[in-house]
Amino acid sequence: MRIAIVMLLLGLLPSYGFAEDAHDKNIATIRFLTALQQPGGGFAGGPKDPKASLHATIAAVRALHYLTGKKAFDAVPNGTKTAAFVISCYDPKAGIFADTPAGKQTSVALTSIGIMVAIDLDIPREKYRKAIDYLKEHAKTFEEVRIAAAAVEAWGVKDCPFDLK
């Protein structure tokens, strides 16, 4: 019996090393991502792209959420600043998200990304409610409807709001 237990333990040693290596890689990835967070709360796209953007922020928020196993707001350093960055990319008059605060260029895709990261960070929907209306009105092509559908699903809308003809 003891020989069987010893053999079992010896068989587990290589998998322990693999798990330890994966854990170390996760820690390194978390450190890399958190280093990309800018003082305003948003995340840069990489070390050579130091400007925070909405599309880089959703990628970092979701990666940190999955790597840490925590709620997205708790997974990012200073979740309050990250949420403030996301809302600063929103134009409440037009109901659109831009890639940067007070940015002028927007699209159905960026507005969809803004909705999804806002929901990930538990930002109250009242703060960006018109964004759903913008998507309903402006998502026309297959690709626009596809990304807008992801935002609508994240929002929790059950019935398809798009004209699929």
C-alpha atoms as a PDB file:
ATOM      1  CA  MET A   1       0.000   0.000   0.000  1.00  0.00           C
ATOM      2  CA  ARG A   2       2.814   2.401   0.887  1.00  0.00           C
ATOM      3  CA  ILE A   3       4.476   1.770  -2.458  1.00  0.00           C
ATOM      4  CA  ALA A   4       1.223   2.693  -4.246  1.00  0.00           C
ATOM      5  CA  ILE A   5       0.964   5.948  -2.300  1.00  0.00           C
ATOM      6  CA  VAL A   6       4.601   6.834  -3.002  1.00  0.00           C
ATOM      7  CA  MET A   7       4.103   6.088  -6.710  1.00  0.00           C
ATOM      8  CA  LEU A   8       0.992   8.239  -6.768  1.00  0.00           C
ATOM      9  CA  LEU A   9       2.812  11.129  -5.114  1.00  0.00           C
ATOM     10  CA  LEU A  10       5.747  10.812  -7.496  1.00  0.00           C
ATOM     11  CA  GLY A  11       3.314  10.874 -10.389  1.00  0.00           C
ATOM     12  CA  LEU A  12       1.822  14.117  -9.106  1.00  0.00           C
ATOM     13  CA  LEU A  13       5.139  15.953  -8.814  1.00  0.00           C
ATOM     14  CA  PRO A  14       5.384  16.938 -12.497  1.00  0.00           C
ATOM     15  CA  SER A  15       1.827  18.314 -12.458  1.00  0.00           C
ATOM     16  CA  TYR A  16       2.653  20.340  -9.337  1.00  0.00           C
ATOM     17  CA  GLY A  17       5.546  21.928 -11.206  1.00  0.00           C
ATOM     18  CA  PHE A  18       3.253  22.720 -14.123  1.00  0.00           C
ATOM     19  CA  ALA A  19       0.680  24.310 -11.806  1.00  0.00           C
ATOM     20  CA  GLU A  20       3.399  26.348 -10.106  1.00  0.00           C
ATOM     21  CA  ASP A  21       4.682  27.522 -13.504  1.00  0.00           C
ATOM     22  CA  ALA A  22       1.155  28.504 -14.609  1.00  0.00           C
ATOM     23  CA  HIS A  23       0.643  30.376 -11.344  1.00  0.00           C
ATOM     24  CA  ASP A  24       3.909  32.283 -11.850  1.00  0.00           C
ATOM     25  CA  LYS A  25       2.857  33.194 -15.393  1.00  0.00           C
ATOM     26  CA  ASN A  26      -0.519  34.445 -14.129  1.00  0.00           C
ATOM     27  CA  ILE A  27       1.227  36.625 -11.540  1.00  0.00           C
ATOM     28  CA  ALA A  28       3.555  38.020 -14.214  1.00  0.00           C
ATOM     29  CA  THR A  29       0.589  38.771 -16.500  1.00  0.00           C
ATOM     30  CA  ILE A  30      -1.309  40.499 -13.683  1.00  0.00           C
ATOM     31  CA  ARG A  31       1.745  42.644 -12.914  1.00  0.00           C
ATOM     32  CA  PHE A  32       2.150  43.526 -16.586  1.00  0.00           C
ATOM     33  CA  LEU A  33      -1.496  44.517 -16.952  1.00  0.00           C
ATOM     34  CA  THR A  34      -1.616  46.575 -13.766  1.00  0.00           C
ATOM     35  CA  ALA A  35       1.494  48.449 -14.913  1.00  0.00           C
ATOM     36  CA  LEU A  36      -0.494  49.571 -17.978  1.00  0.00           C
ATOM     37  CA  GLN A  37      -3.023  51.432 -15.832  1.00  0.00           C
ATOM     38  CA  GLN A  38      -2.669  55.172 -16.271  1.00  0.00           C
ATOM     39  CA  PRO A  39      -3.166  57.790 -13.525  1.00  0.00           C
ATOM     40  CA  GLY A  40      -6.675  58.559 -14.805  1.00  0.00           C
ATOM     41  CA  GLY A  41      -7.783  54.941 -14.283  1.00  0.00           C
ATOM     42  CA  GLY A  42      -7.845  53.777 -17.898  1.00  0.00           C
ATOM     43  CA  PHE A  43      -5.402  51.274 -19.348  1.00  0.00           C
ATOM     44  CA  ALA A  44      -2.891  51.790 -22.136  1.00  0.00           C
ATOM     45  CA  GLY A  45      -2.631  49.334 -24.995  1.00  0.00           C
ATOM     46  CA  GLY A  46       0.981  48.487 -24.160  1.00  0.00           C
ATOM     47  CA  PRO A  47       4.277  49.923 -22.969  1.00  0.00           C
ATOM     48  CA  LYS A  48       4.851  51.620 -26.333  1.00  0.00           C
ATOM     49  CA  ASP A  49       1.269  52.961 -26.441  1.00  0.00           C
ATOM     50  CA  PRO A  50       0.985  54.940 -23.184  1.00  0.00           C
ATOM     51  CA  LYS A  51      -2.359  56.615 -23.896  1.00  0.00           C
ATOM     52  CA  ALA A  52      -5.351  55.098 -22.091  1.00  0.00           C
ATOM     53  CA  SER A  53      -8.206  53.967 -24.312  1.00  0.00           C
ATOM     54  CA  LEU A  54     -11.580  52.332 -23.887  1.00  0.00           C
ATOM     55  CA  HIS A  55     -10.673  49.314 -26.022  1.00  0.00           C
ATOM     56  CA  ALA A  56      -7.463  48.678 -24.029  1.00  0.00           C
ATOM     57  CA  THR A  57      -9.350  49.197 -20.764  1.00  0.00           C
ATOM     58  CA  ILE A  58     -11.978  46.534 -21.483  1.00  0.00           C
ATOM     59  CA  ALA A  59      -9.230  44.078 -22.424  1.00  0.00           C
ATOM     60  CA  ALA A  60      -7.315  44.730 -19.199  1.00  0.00           C
ATOM     61  CA  VAL A  61     -10.433  44.704 -17.006  1.00  0.00           C
ATOM     62  CA  ARG A  62     -11.611  41.381 -18.389  1.00  0.00           C
ATOM     63  CA  ALA A  63      -8.165  39.781 -18.274  1.00  0.00           C
ATOM     64  CA  LEU A  64      -7.661  40.866 -14.658  1.00  0.00           C
ATOM     65  CA  HIS A  65     -11.142  39.583 -13.783  1.00  0.00           C
ATOM     66  CA  TYR A  66     -10.405  36.153 -15.267  1.00  0.00           C
ATOM     67  CA  LEU A  67      -6.854  35.911 -13.910  1.00  0.00           C
ATOM     68  CA  THR A  68      -7.739  36.913 -10.357  1.00  0.00           C
ATOM     69  CA  GLY A  69     -11.185  35.342 -10.096  1.00  0.00           C
ATOM     70  CA  LYS A  70     -12.459  38.563  -8.514  1.00  0.00           C
ATOM     71  CA  LYS A  71     -15.316  40.806  -9.631  1.00  0.00           C
ATOM     72  CA  ALA A  72     -14.047  43.119 -12.367  1.00  0.00           C
ATOM     73  CA  PHE A  73     -14.305  46.228 -10.169  1.00  0.00           C
ATOM     74  CA  ASP A  74     -12.221  44.525  -7.459  1.00  0.00           C
ATOM     75  CA  ALA A  75      -9.758  42.950  -9.902  1.00  0.00           C
ATOM     76  CA  VAL A  76      -8.457  46.256 -11.238  1.00  0.00           C
ATOM     77  CA  PRO A  77      -6.300  48.504  -9.107  1.00  0.00           C
ATOM     78  CA  ASN A  78      -8.388  51.502  -8.132  1.00  0.00           C
ATOM     79  CA  GLY A  79     -11.694  50.404  -9.657  1.00  0.00           C
ATOM     80  CA  THR A  80     -13.243  53.780  -8.855  1.00  0.00           C
ATOM     81  CA  LYS A  81     -10.806  55.574 -11.158  1.00  0.00           C
ATOM     82  CA  THR A  82     -11.275  52.962 -13.870  1.00  0.00           C
ATOM     83  CA  ALA A  83     -15.063  53.407 -13.706  1.00  0.00           C
ATOM     84  CA  ALA A  84     -14.594  57.197 -13.847  1.00  0.00           C
ATOM     85  CA  PHE A  85     -12.387  56.797 -16.926  1.00  0.00           C
ATOM     86  CA  VAL A  86     -15.049  54.698 -18.664  1.00  0.00           C
ATOM     87  CA  ILE A  87     -17.775  57.247 -17.917  1.00  0.00           C
ATOM     88  CA  SER A  88     -15.495  60.067 -19.110  1.00  0.00           C
ATOM     89  CA  CYS A  89     -15.529  58.373 -22.536  1.00  0.00           C
ATOM     90  CA  TYR A  90     -19.335  58.638 -22.658  1.00  0.00           C
ATOM     91  CA  ASP A  91     -21.226  61.520 -24.251  1.00  0.00           C
ATOM     92  CA  PRO A  92     -24.628  61.558 -22.528  1.00  0.00           C
ATOM     93  CA  LYS A  93     -26.181  63.928 -25.070  1.00  0.00           C
ATOM     94  CA  ALA A  94     -25.451  61.683 -28.050  1.00  0.00           C
ATOM     95  CA  GLY A  95     -25.554  58.401 -26.119  1.00  0.00           C
ATOM     96  CA  ILE A  96     -22.186  57.288 -27.470  1.00  0.00           C
ATOM     97  CA  PHE A  97     -18.865  56.086 -26.118  1.00  0.00           C
ATOM     98  CA  ALA A  98     -15.597  57.243 -27.661  1.00  0.00           C
ATOM     99  CA  ASP A  99     -12.245  55.520 -27.295  1.00  0.00           C
ATOM    100  CA  THR A 100     -10.840  58.343 -25.157  1.00  0.00           C
ATOM    101  CA  PRO A 101     -12.348  60.910 -22.791  1.00  0.00           C
ATOM    102  CA  ALA A 102     -14.073  63.659 -24.762  1.00  0.00           C
ATOM    103  CA  GLY A 103     -13.083  61.823 -27.939  1.00  0.00           C
ATOM    104  CA  LYS A 104     -14.892  62.743 -31.105  1.00  0.00           C
ATOM    105  CA  GLN A 105     -14.609  59.551 -33.121  1.00  0.00           C
ATOM    106  CA  THR A 106     -17.035  56.856 -32.135  1.00  0.00           C
ATOM    107  CA  SER A 107     -18.770  53.879 -33.627  1.00  0.00           C
ATOM    108  CA  VAL A 108     -21.277  51.176 -32.841  1.00  0.00           C
ATOM    109  CA  ALA A 109     -18.329  48.981 -31.830  1.00  0.00           C
ATOM    110  CA  LEU A 110     -16.904  51.537 -29.365  1.00  0.00           C
ATOM    111  CA  THR A 111     -20.315  52.217 -27.873  1.00  0.00           C
ATOM    112  CA  SER A 112     -20.825  48.474 -27.478  1.00  0.00           C
ATOM    113  CA  ILE A 113     -17.433  48.148 -25.800  1.00  0.00           C
ATOM    114  CA  GLY A 114     -18.281  51.053 -23.505  1.00  0.00           C
ATOM    115  CA  ILE A 115     -21.532  49.425 -22.436  1.00  0.00           C
ATOM    116  CA  MET A 116     -19.853  46.081 -21.786  1.00  0.00           C
ATOM    117  CA  VAL A 117     -16.997  47.476 -19.685  1.00  0.00           C
ATOM    118  CA  ALA A 118     -19.417  49.725 -17.781  1.00  0.00           C
ATOM    119  CA  ILE A 119     -21.514  46.679 -16.934  1.00  0.00           C
ATOM    120  CA  ASP A 120     -18.381  44.700 -16.017  1.00  0.00           C
ATOM    121  CA  LEU A 121     -17.450  47.476 -13.564  1.00  0.00           C
ATOM    122  CA  ASP A 122     -20.981  47.681 -12.104  1.00  0.00           C
ATOM    123  CA  ILE A 123     -21.485  51.284 -13.219  1.00  0.00           C
ATOM    124  CA  PRO A 124     -25.190  52.116 -12.793  1.00  0.00           C
ATOM    125  CA  ARG A 125     -26.982  51.811 -16.131  1.00  0.00           C
ATOM    126  CA  GLU A 126     -28.742  55.153 -15.631  1.00  0.00           C
ATOM    127  CA  LYS A 127     -25.407  56.855 -16.305  1.00  0.00           C
ATOM    128  CA  TYR A 128     -25.264  55.566 -19.898  1.00  0.00           C
ATOM    129  CA  ARG A 129     -28.845  54.513 -20.665  1.00  0.00           C
ATOM    130  CA  LYS A 130     -29.001  56.348 -24.020  1.00  0.00           C
ATOM    131  CA  ALA A 131     -26.183  54.161 -25.362  1.00  0.00           C
ATOM    132  CA  ILE A 132     -28.607  51.274 -25.891  1.00  0.00           C
ATOM    133  CA  ASP A 133     -30.872  53.566 -27.917  1.00  0.00           C
ATOM    134  CA  TYR A 134     -27.862  54.612 -29.996  1.00  0.00           C
ATOM    135  CA  LEU A 135     -27.106  50.967 -30.776  1.00  0.00           C
ATOM    136  CA  LYS A 136     -30.719  50.225 -31.701  1.00  0.00           C
ATOM    137  CA  GLU A 137     -30.720  53.142 -34.115  1.00  0.00           C
ATOM    138  CA  HIS A 138     -27.239  52.813 -35.635  1.00  0.00           C
ATOM    139  CA  ALA A 139     -26.375  49.099 -35.798  1.00  0.00           C
ATOM    140  CA  LYS A 140     -27.061  48.280 -39.455  1.00  0.00           C
ATOM    141  CA  THR A 141     -24.365  46.017 -40.899  1.00  0.00           C
ATOM    142  CA  PHE A 142     -23.791  42.426 -39.852  1.00  0.00           C
ATOM    143  CA  GLU A 143     -20.615  43.330 -37.932  1.00  0.00           C
ATOM    144  CA  GLU A 144     -22.320  46.255 -36.174  1.00  0.00           C
ATOM    145  CA  VAL A 145     -25.290  44.111 -35.152  1.00  0.00           C
ATOM    146  CA  ARG A 146     -22.940  41.341 -34.000  1.00  0.00           C
ATOM    147  CA  ILE A 147     -20.980  43.564 -31.592  1.00  0.00           C
ATOM    148  CA  ALA A 148     -24.083  45.494 -30.540  1.00  0.00           C
ATOM    149  CA  ALA A 149     -25.803  42.203 -29.720  1.00  0.00           C
ATOM    150  CA  ALA A 150     -22.991  41.418 -27.268  1.00  0.00           C
ATOM    151  CA  ALA A 151     -23.636  44.729 -25.497  1.00  0.00           C
ATOM    152  CA  VAL A 152     -27.396  44.198 -25.503  1.00  0.00           C
ATOM    153  CA  GLU A 153     -26.926  40.709 -24.049  1.00  0.00           C
ATOM    154  CA  ALA A 154     -24.585  42.073 -21.353  1.00  0.00           C
ATOM    155  CA  TRP A 155     -27.223  44.703 -20.557  1.00  0.00           C
ATOM    156  CA  GLY A 156     -29.770  41.939 -20.039  1.00  0.00           C
ATOM    157  CA  VAL A 157     -32.214  42.721 -22.846  1.00  0.00           C
ATOM    158  CA  LYS A 158     -34.060  39.514 -23.715  1.00  0.00           C
ATOM    159  CA  ASP A 159     -35.724  40.454 -27.026  1.00  0.00           C
ATOM    160  CA  CYS A 160     -33.610  41.310 -30.057  1.00  0.00           C
ATOM    161  CA  PRO A 161     -33.934  45.073 -30.626  1.00  0.00           C
ATOM    162  CA  PHE A 162     -32.462  45.007 -34.150  1.00  0.00           C
ATOM    163  CA  ASP A 163     -34.150  44.782 -37.509  1.00  0.00           C
ATOM    164  CA  LEU A 164     -32.429  41.709 -38.906  1.00  0.00           C
ATOM    165  CA  LYS A 165     -33.812  42.101 -42.418  1.00  0.00           C
END
